[in-house]
Amino acid sequence: MAKLSVSAQVKQGMRVEMAVRQHRLIADLTPDKGGQDAGPTPPELLVASLAACSAIFAQIFAQREGIPGPVEVQAEAELVDQPMVVRDFRVRVRIHGLPQEKKEKAEAFVGHCVVSQTLCAANAVSLKIES
């Protein structure tokens, strides 16, 4: 089992800088929520993660099947207030050149992307506050 690790630090206002291996990402809130819109919000990053994972799995499928592509993905979800959660994820994948007879196989393969499987599974989040 591989461990995934991300560190995050609030730098200015609501701007959060994250480190993932050698990569740096920024998340922020919109101005109406007290941020400066320096990056996507955490819920937007969640949906972006689903889109990216689906795109990668679709590209793997296309390459294995000899389909030249390109691959395009649109992901959406609802942010609801009570309780505040992101739900009802929707992903549309377009694999240009995909033969009709391979659509079902593509859907099964792309539907098994790691992020999609994670969102569909019941998970626990352990939280520890330190001073």
Protein backbone atom coordinates (compact mmCIF):
# COMPACT_ATOMS: atom_id res chain seq x y z
CA MET A 1 0.00 0.00 0.00
CA ALA A 2 1.39 3.41 -0.97
CA LYS A 3 1.04 6.36 1.35
CA LEU A 4 0.00 9.67 -0.19
CA SER A 5 1.16 12.76 1.65
CA VAL A 6 0.33 16.43 1.21
CA SER A 7 1.41 19.28 3.46
CA ALA A 8 -0.53 22.54 3.61
CA GLN A 9 0.24 25.89 5.16
CA VAL A 10 -1.87 29.04 5.34
CA LYS A 11 0.29 31.81 3.90
CA GLN A 12 -1.87 34.91 3.57
CA GLY A 13 -5.53 35.44 4.42
CA MET A 14 -7.21 32.21 3.31
CA ARG A 15 -4.52 31.33 0.73
CA VAL A 16 -3.16 27.84 1.34
CA GLU A 17 0.03 26.56 -0.23
CA MET A 18 0.25 22.81 -0.58
CA ALA A 19 3.24 20.60 -1.31
CA VAL A 20 2.76 17.30 -3.10
CA ARG A 21 6.15 15.66 -3.70
CA GLN A 22 8.04 18.36 -5.68
CA HIS A 23 4.84 20.12 -6.82
CA ARG A 24 3.29 23.24 -5.33
CA LEU A 25 -0.44 24.00 -5.44
CA ILE A 26 -2.49 26.91 -4.18
CA ALA A 27 -6.04 26.89 -2.86
CA ASP A 28 -7.99 29.94 -1.76
CA LEU A 29 -11.50 31.12 -1.17
CA THR A 30 -13.42 33.54 -3.34
CA PRO A 31 -13.51 37.20 -2.21
CA ASP A 32 -17.12 36.88 -1.01
CA LYS A 33 -15.92 34.14 1.39
CA GLY A 34 -12.91 36.10 2.68
CA GLY A 35 -10.27 34.94 0.21
CA GLN A 36 -8.42 36.59 -2.65
CA ASP A 37 -9.25 34.01 -5.33
CA ALA A 38 -5.56 33.10 -5.70
CA GLY A 39 -6.48 29.53 -6.62
CA PRO A 40 -9.34 27.05 -6.75
CA THR A 41 -11.35 26.39 -3.62
CA PRO A 42 -10.86 23.04 -1.87
CA PRO A 43 -14.22 21.71 -3.20
CA GLU A 44 -13.19 22.77 -6.72
CA LEU A 45 -9.91 20.90 -6.26
CA LEU A 46 -11.91 17.82 -5.30
CA VAL A 47 -13.93 18.01 -8.53
CA ALA A 48 -10.74 18.79 -10.50
CA SER A 49 -9.16 15.67 -9.03
CA LEU A 50 -12.09 13.60 -10.26
CA ALA A 51 -11.83 15.18 -13.73
CA ALA A 52 -8.08 14.60 -13.92
CA CYS A 53 -8.32 10.98 -12.76
CA SER A 54 -11.13 10.26 -15.23
CA ALA A 55 -9.12 11.88 -18.04
CA ILE A 56 -6.05 9.80 -17.25
CA PHE A 57 -8.05 6.57 -17.16
CA ALA A 58 -9.78 7.52 -20.43
CA GLN A 59 -6.41 8.23 -22.04
CA ILE A 60 -5.04 4.88 -20.84
CA PHE A 61 -8.11 3.16 -22.30
CA ALA A 62 -7.77 5.02 -25.61
CA GLN A 63 -4.09 4.12 -25.90
CA ARG A 64 -4.73 0.44 -25.10
CA GLU A 65 -7.51 0.31 -27.69
CA GLY A 66 -5.52 2.20 -30.34
CA ILE A 67 -7.92 5.15 -30.37
CA PRO A 68 -6.09 8.37 -31.28
CA GLY A 69 -8.30 10.66 -29.17
CA PRO A 70 -8.07 13.36 -27.94
CA VAL A 71 -9.75 12.92 -24.55
CA GLU A 72 -11.87 15.67 -22.99
CA VAL A 73 -13.55 15.59 -19.57
CA GLN A 74 -16.10 17.81 -17.86
CA ALA A 75 -16.78 17.19 -14.17
CA GLU A 76 -19.39 18.87 -11.99
CA ALA A 77 -20.80 18.49 -8.50
CA GLU A 78 -23.20 20.26 -6.19
CA LEU A 79 -22.01 22.19 -3.14
CA VAL A 80 -24.87 22.14 -0.67
CA ASP A 81 -25.24 24.02 2.62
CA GLN A 82 -27.02 21.72 5.08
CA PRO A 83 -24.89 19.79 5.80
CA MET A 84 -22.09 21.53 3.86
CA VAL A 85 -20.91 18.81 1.50
CA VAL A 86 -19.98 18.24 -2.11
CA ARG A 87 -22.29 15.67 -3.68
CA ASP A 88 -23.92 14.45 -6.87
CA PHE A 89 -20.73 14.21 -8.92
CA ARG A 90 -21.18 14.03 -12.69
CA VAL A 91 -18.45 13.25 -15.19
CA ARG A 92 -18.73 13.48 -18.97
CA VAL A 93 -15.87 11.93 -20.92
CA ARG A 94 -15.40 12.38 -24.64
CA ILE A 95 -12.94 10.06 -26.38
CA HIS A 96 -12.81 11.28 -29.95
CA GLY A 97 -12.83 8.37 -32.36
CA LEU A 98 -14.29 5.92 -29.84
CA PRO A 99 -16.27 3.26 -31.72
CA GLN A 100 -19.85 2.80 -30.49
CA GLU A 101 -19.19 -0.87 -29.69
CA LYS A 102 -16.42 0.11 -27.22
CA LYS A 103 -18.43 2.71 -25.24
CA GLU A 104 -19.57 0.27 -22.55
CA LYS A 105 -16.05 -1.10 -22.09
CA ALA A 106 -14.67 2.46 -21.85
CA GLU A 107 -17.29 3.42 -19.27
CA ALA A 108 -16.44 0.40 -17.11
CA PHE A 109 -12.72 1.15 -17.30
CA VAL A 110 -12.92 4.90 -16.68
CA GLY A 111 -15.48 4.34 -13.90
CA HIS A 112 -12.76 2.54 -11.96
CA CYS A 113 -10.49 5.58 -11.66
CA VAL A 114 -9.06 5.89 -8.15
CA VAL A 115 -10.80 9.16 -7.29
CA SER A 116 -14.19 7.95 -8.52
CA GLN A 117 -13.85 4.72 -6.55
CA THR A 118 -12.84 6.71 -3.47
CA LEU A 119 -15.83 9.05 -3.74
CA CYS A 120 -18.15 6.06 -4.11
CA ALA A 121 -16.72 4.25 -1.07
CA ALA A 122 -17.54 4.94 2.54
CA ASN A 123 -14.46 6.49 4.10
CA ALA A 124 -13.43 7.64 7.52
CA VAL A 125 -11.47 10.82 8.18
CA SER A 126 -9.35 10.90 11.31
CA LEU A 127 -8.80 14.43 12.62
CA LYS A 128 -6.35 15.43 15.37
CA ILE A 129 -5.98 19.05 16.51
CA GLU A 130 -2.58 19.97 17.93
CA SER A 131 -1.26 23.16 19.53
